Amino acid sequence: MTPALLVATLGGVGRLRPGPGTWGSALVLPALWLGPVACLGLAALCLVAGWWAAGEVLRDGVEDPGWFVADEGAGMLLALAALPAATLPGALLAFALFRLLDITKPWPVSWFDRQPGAFGVMLDDVMAGALAAAALLAFHALVPGVLA
């Protein structure tokens, strides 16, 4: 397996069935215990590495195959960065919100999803992660203490 495929599949997790995107999202959940700043930094690293990997492995008009899950890693890490503390309820809510937004692709996620190349492959999931993060921050502001 090439370095680009290792990044694209998050070490092969993208080859798991069913639901490789769900597996890719679940893989990064332990990062929650590193804290919000680490999650944000890891999200940026996943974004940059995934962007590079997309340019290396996606050829001949193939757009966002199921096995490419570096984008799910980046988006999920962004959602985790919004949690004030490492709690199981927070992790489950972040995971559920991110997967819901990634699967249903509401606007503006759907707009990014329609863009070609690495831009569309990576940024639809980053937008889903950003929307999940915004929802988590709003929830925490409205109902303090539940996620902390």
C-alpha atoms as a PDB file:
ATOM      1  CA  MET A   1       0.000   0.000   0.000  1.00  0.00           C
ATOM      2  CA  THR A   2       1.395   3.406  -0.964  1.00  0.00           C
ATOM      3  CA  PRO A   3       1.734   6.260   1.543  1.00  0.00           C
ATOM      4  CA  ALA A   4      -1.092   8.129  -0.228  1.00  0.00           C
ATOM      5  CA  LEU A   5      -3.420   5.121   0.088  1.00  0.00           C
ATOM      6  CA  LEU A   6      -2.494   4.757   3.765  1.00  0.00           C
ATOM      7  CA  VAL A   7      -3.543   8.363   4.337  1.00  0.00           C
ATOM      8  CA  ALA A   8      -6.649   8.126   2.140  1.00  0.00           C
ATOM      9  CA  THR A   9      -7.912   5.003   3.912  1.00  0.00           C
ATOM     10  CA  LEU A  10      -6.681   6.087   7.371  1.00  0.00           C
ATOM     11  CA  GLY A  11      -4.410   3.093   7.613  1.00  0.00           C
ATOM     12  CA  GLY A  12      -6.792   0.749   5.818  1.00  0.00           C
ATOM     13  CA  VAL A  13      -9.936   1.548   7.826  1.00  0.00           C
ATOM     14  CA  GLY A  14     -11.594   2.819   4.648  1.00  0.00           C
ATOM     15  CA  ARG A  15     -11.620  -0.767   3.368  1.00  0.00           C
ATOM     16  CA  LEU A  16     -13.864  -1.951   6.232  1.00  0.00           C
ATOM     17  CA  ARG A  17     -17.469  -2.793   5.421  1.00  0.00           C
ATOM     18  CA  PRO A  18     -20.182  -1.829   5.891  1.00  0.00           C
ATOM     19  CA  GLY A  19     -20.026   1.943   6.154  1.00  0.00           C
ATOM     20  CA  PRO A  20     -16.374   2.876   5.644  1.00  0.00           C
ATOM     21  CA  GLY A  21     -17.160   6.541   6.401  1.00  0.00           C
ATOM     22  CA  THR A  22     -18.599   5.543   9.762  1.00  0.00           C
ATOM     23  CA  TRP A  23     -15.493   3.471  10.519  1.00  0.00           C
ATOM     24  CA  GLY A  24     -13.267   6.380   9.503  1.00  0.00           C
ATOM     25  CA  SER A  25     -15.203   8.717  11.784  1.00  0.00           C
ATOM     26  CA  ALA A  26     -15.070   6.245  14.683  1.00  0.00           C
ATOM     27  CA  LEU A  27     -11.317   5.772  14.307  1.00  0.00           C
ATOM     28  CA  VAL A  28     -10.570   9.331  15.448  1.00  0.00           C
ATOM     29  CA  LEU A  29     -12.941   9.348  18.457  1.00  0.00           C
ATOM     30  CA  PRO A  30     -10.152   8.604  20.988  1.00  0.00           C
ATOM     31  CA  ALA A  31      -8.557  11.928  20.034  1.00  0.00           C
ATOM     32  CA  LEU A  32     -11.293  13.562  22.132  1.00  0.00           C
ATOM     33  CA  TRP A  33      -9.268  12.701  25.230  1.00  0.00           C
ATOM     34  CA  LEU A  34      -6.356  14.788  23.910  1.00  0.00           C
ATOM     35  CA  GLY A  35      -8.459  17.959  24.213  1.00  0.00           C
ATOM     36  CA  PRO A  36      -9.989  20.515  21.854  1.00  0.00           C
ATOM     37  CA  VAL A  37      -6.729  22.122  20.722  1.00  0.00           C
ATOM     38  CA  ALA A  38      -5.218  18.757  19.808  1.00  0.00           C
ATOM     39  CA  CYS A  39      -8.396  17.794  17.941  1.00  0.00           C
ATOM     40  CA  LEU A  40      -8.253  21.035  15.998  1.00  0.00           C
ATOM     41  CA  GLY A  41      -4.586  20.490  15.152  1.00  0.00           C
ATOM     42  CA  LEU A  42      -5.233  16.890  14.094  1.00  0.00           C
ATOM     43  CA  ALA A  43      -8.174  18.055  11.958  1.00  0.00           C
ATOM     44  CA  ALA A  44      -5.862  20.473  10.148  1.00  0.00           C
ATOM     45  CA  LEU A  45      -3.261  17.728   9.694  1.00  0.00           C
ATOM     46  CA  CYS A  46      -5.913  15.338   8.308  1.00  0.00           C
ATOM     47  CA  LEU A  47      -7.146  18.050   5.967  1.00  0.00           C
ATOM     48  CA  VAL A  48      -3.698  18.773   4.539  1.00  0.00           C
ATOM     49  CA  ALA A  49      -2.683  15.099   4.332  1.00  0.00           C
ATOM     50  CA  GLY A  50      -6.050  14.120   2.859  1.00  0.00           C
ATOM     51  CA  TRP A  51      -5.857  16.887   0.271  1.00  0.00           C
ATOM     52  CA  TRP A  52      -2.446  15.586  -0.792  1.00  0.00           C
ATOM     53  CA  ALA A  53      -3.658  11.968  -0.827  1.00  0.00           C
ATOM     54  CA  ALA A  54      -6.722  12.877  -2.914  1.00  0.00           C
ATOM     55  CA  GLY A  55      -4.464  14.377  -5.543  1.00  0.00           C
ATOM     56  CA  GLU A  56      -2.366  11.217  -5.562  1.00  0.00           C
ATOM     57  CA  VAL A  57      -5.000   8.460  -5.543  1.00  0.00           C
ATOM     58  CA  LEU A  58      -8.093   9.882  -7.223  1.00  0.00           C
ATOM     59  CA  ARG A  59      -7.651   9.619 -10.962  1.00  0.00           C
ATOM     60  CA  ASP A  60      -9.712   9.343 -14.145  1.00  0.00           C
ATOM     61  CA  GLY A  61     -12.738  11.290 -12.921  1.00  0.00           C
ATOM     62  CA  VAL A  62     -13.374   9.113  -9.843  1.00  0.00           C
ATOM     63  CA  GLU A  63     -14.825  11.419  -7.220  1.00  0.00           C
ATOM     64  CA  ASP A  64     -14.882  10.554  -3.499  1.00  0.00           C
ATOM     65  CA  PRO A  65     -14.977   6.743  -3.449  1.00  0.00           C
ATOM     66  CA  GLY A  66     -16.262   5.154  -0.244  1.00  0.00           C
ATOM     67  CA  TRP A  67     -12.831   3.872   0.752  1.00  0.00           C
ATOM     68  CA  PHE A  68     -11.433   7.441   0.878  1.00  0.00           C
ATOM     69  CA  VAL A  69     -12.035   8.328   4.551  1.00  0.00           C
ATOM     70  CA  ALA A  70      -9.344  10.907   5.395  1.00  0.00           C
ATOM     71  CA  ASP A  71     -12.087  13.500   4.876  1.00  0.00           C
ATOM     72  CA  GLU A  72     -14.287  11.846   7.522  1.00  0.00           C
ATOM     73  CA  GLY A  73     -11.348  11.895   9.917  1.00  0.00           C
ATOM     74  CA  ALA A  74     -10.836  15.628   9.389  1.00  0.00           C
ATOM     75  CA  GLY A  75     -14.523  16.463   9.750  1.00  0.00           C
ATOM     76  CA  MET A  76     -15.040  14.308  12.843  1.00  0.00           C
ATOM     77  CA  LEU A  77     -11.978  15.814  14.521  1.00  0.00           C
ATOM     78  CA  LEU A  78     -13.356  19.284  13.852  1.00  0.00           C
ATOM     79  CA  ALA A  79     -16.638  18.329  15.534  1.00  0.00           C
ATOM     80  CA  LEU A  80     -14.737  16.876  18.517  1.00  0.00           C
ATOM     81  CA  ALA A  81     -12.759  20.108  18.880  1.00  0.00           C
ATOM     82  CA  ALA A  82     -15.991  21.891  19.842  1.00  0.00           C
ATOM     83  CA  LEU A  83     -16.573  19.736  22.913  1.00  0.00           C
ATOM     84  CA  PRO A  84     -15.657  21.420  26.207  1.00  0.00           C
ATOM     85  CA  ALA A  85     -14.674  18.122  27.857  1.00  0.00           C
ATOM     86  CA  ALA A  86     -14.031  14.484  27.023  1.00  0.00           C
ATOM     87  CA  THR A  87     -17.306  12.805  27.925  1.00  0.00           C
ATOM     88  CA  LEU A  88     -19.107   9.828  26.447  1.00  0.00           C
ATOM     89  CA  PRO A  89     -22.373  11.777  25.891  1.00  0.00           C
ATOM     90  CA  GLY A  90     -20.438  14.527  24.106  1.00  0.00           C
ATOM     91  CA  ALA A  91     -18.550  12.046  21.940  1.00  0.00           C
ATOM     92  CA  LEU A  92     -21.758  10.225  20.995  1.00  0.00           C
ATOM     93  CA  LEU A  93     -23.566  13.468  20.180  1.00  0.00           C
ATOM     94  CA  ALA A  94     -20.639  14.770  18.109  1.00  0.00           C
ATOM     95  CA  PHE A  95     -20.415  11.457  16.247  1.00  0.00           C
ATOM     96  CA  ALA A  96     -24.171  11.298  15.567  1.00  0.00           C
ATOM     97  CA  LEU A  97     -24.343  14.927  14.420  1.00  0.00           C
ATOM     98  CA  PHE A  98     -21.329  14.629  12.155  1.00  0.00           C
ATOM     99  CA  ARG A  99     -22.513  11.379  10.547  1.00  0.00           C
ATOM    100  CA  LEU A 100     -26.037  12.793  10.059  1.00  0.00           C
ATOM    101  CA  LEU A 101     -24.677  15.899   8.333  1.00  0.00           C
ATOM    102  CA  ASP A 102     -22.159  13.900   6.303  1.00  0.00           C
ATOM    103  CA  ILE A 103     -24.777  11.436   5.065  1.00  0.00           C
ATOM    104  CA  THR A 104     -27.695  13.815   4.433  1.00  0.00           C
ATOM    105  CA  LYS A 105     -25.489  16.620   3.059  1.00  0.00           C
ATOM    106  CA  PRO A 106     -27.655  19.683   3.761  1.00  0.00           C
ATOM    107  CA  TRP A 107     -26.597  22.991   2.246  1.00  0.00           C
ATOM    108  CA  PRO A 108     -23.758  24.134   2.327  1.00  0.00           C
ATOM    109  CA  VAL A 109     -22.302  20.599   2.667  1.00  0.00           C
ATOM    110  CA  SER A 110     -24.032  19.617  -0.583  1.00  0.00           C
ATOM    111  CA  TRP A 111     -22.444  22.545  -2.429  1.00  0.00           C
ATOM    112  CA  PHE A 112     -18.941  21.454  -1.389  1.00  0.00           C
ATOM    113  CA  ASP A 113     -19.791  17.845  -2.271  1.00  0.00           C
ATOM    114  CA  ARG A 114     -20.488  18.872  -5.877  1.00  0.00           C
ATOM    115  CA  GLN A 115     -17.079  20.516  -6.328  1.00  0.00           C
ATOM    116  CA  PRO A 116     -14.442  18.602  -8.295  1.00  0.00           C
ATOM    117  CA  GLY A 117     -11.214  17.054  -7.093  1.00  0.00           C
ATOM    118  CA  ALA A 118      -9.615  17.268  -3.680  1.00  0.00           C
ATOM    119  CA  PHE A 119     -11.555  20.462  -2.919  1.00  0.00           C
ATOM    120  CA  GLY A 120     -14.924  18.703  -3.006  1.00  0.00           C
ATOM    121  CA  VAL A 121     -13.677  15.423  -1.559  1.00  0.00           C
ATOM    122  CA  MET A 122     -12.214  17.034   1.547  1.00  0.00           C
ATOM    123  CA  LEU A 123     -14.288  20.138   2.162  1.00  0.00           C
ATOM    124  CA  ASP A 124     -17.779  18.619   2.200  1.00  0.00           C
ATOM    125  CA  ASP A 125     -16.783  16.645   5.297  1.00  0.00           C
ATOM    126  CA  VAL A 126     -14.938  19.591   6.814  1.00  0.00           C
ATOM    127  CA  MET A 127     -18.126  21.652   6.380  1.00  0.00           C
ATOM    128  CA  ALA A 128     -20.193  18.854   7.972  1.00  0.00           C
ATOM    129  CA  GLY A 129     -17.715  18.872  10.868  1.00  0.00           C
ATOM    130  CA  ALA A 130     -17.922  22.660  11.163  1.00  0.00           C
ATOM    131  CA  LEU A 131     -21.727  22.553  11.236  1.00  0.00           C
ATOM    132  CA  ALA A 132     -21.664  19.789  13.847  1.00  0.00           C
ATOM    133  CA  ALA A 133     -19.183  21.854  15.884  1.00  0.00           C
ATOM    134  CA  ALA A 134     -21.409  24.941  15.653  1.00  0.00           C
ATOM    135  CA  ALA A 135     -24.414  22.910  16.795  1.00  0.00           C
ATOM    136  CA  LEU A 136     -22.435  21.474  19.714  1.00  0.00           C
ATOM    137  CA  LEU A 137     -21.229  24.924  20.765  1.00  0.00           C
ATOM    138  CA  ALA A 138     -24.785  26.283  20.583  1.00  0.00           C
ATOM    139  CA  PHE A 139     -26.111  23.317  22.575  1.00  0.00           C
ATOM    140  CA  HIS A 140     -23.425  23.832  25.229  1.00  0.00           C
ATOM    141  CA  ALA A 141     -24.277  27.545  25.446  1.00  0.00           C
ATOM    142  CA  LEU A 142     -28.014  26.819  25.816  1.00  0.00           C
ATOM    143  CA  VAL A 143     -27.677  23.837  28.160  1.00  0.00           C
ATOM    144  CA  PRO A 144     -24.417  24.298  30.076  1.00  0.00           C
ATOM    145  CA  GLY A 145     -23.002  21.320  31.885  1.00  0.00           C
ATOM    146  CA  VAL A 146     -24.515  18.553  29.773  1.00  0.00           C
ATOM    147  CA  LEU A 147     -21.458  18.151  27.542  1.00  0.00           C
ATOM    148  CA  ALA A 148     -18.899  19.106  30.187  1.00  0.00           C
END
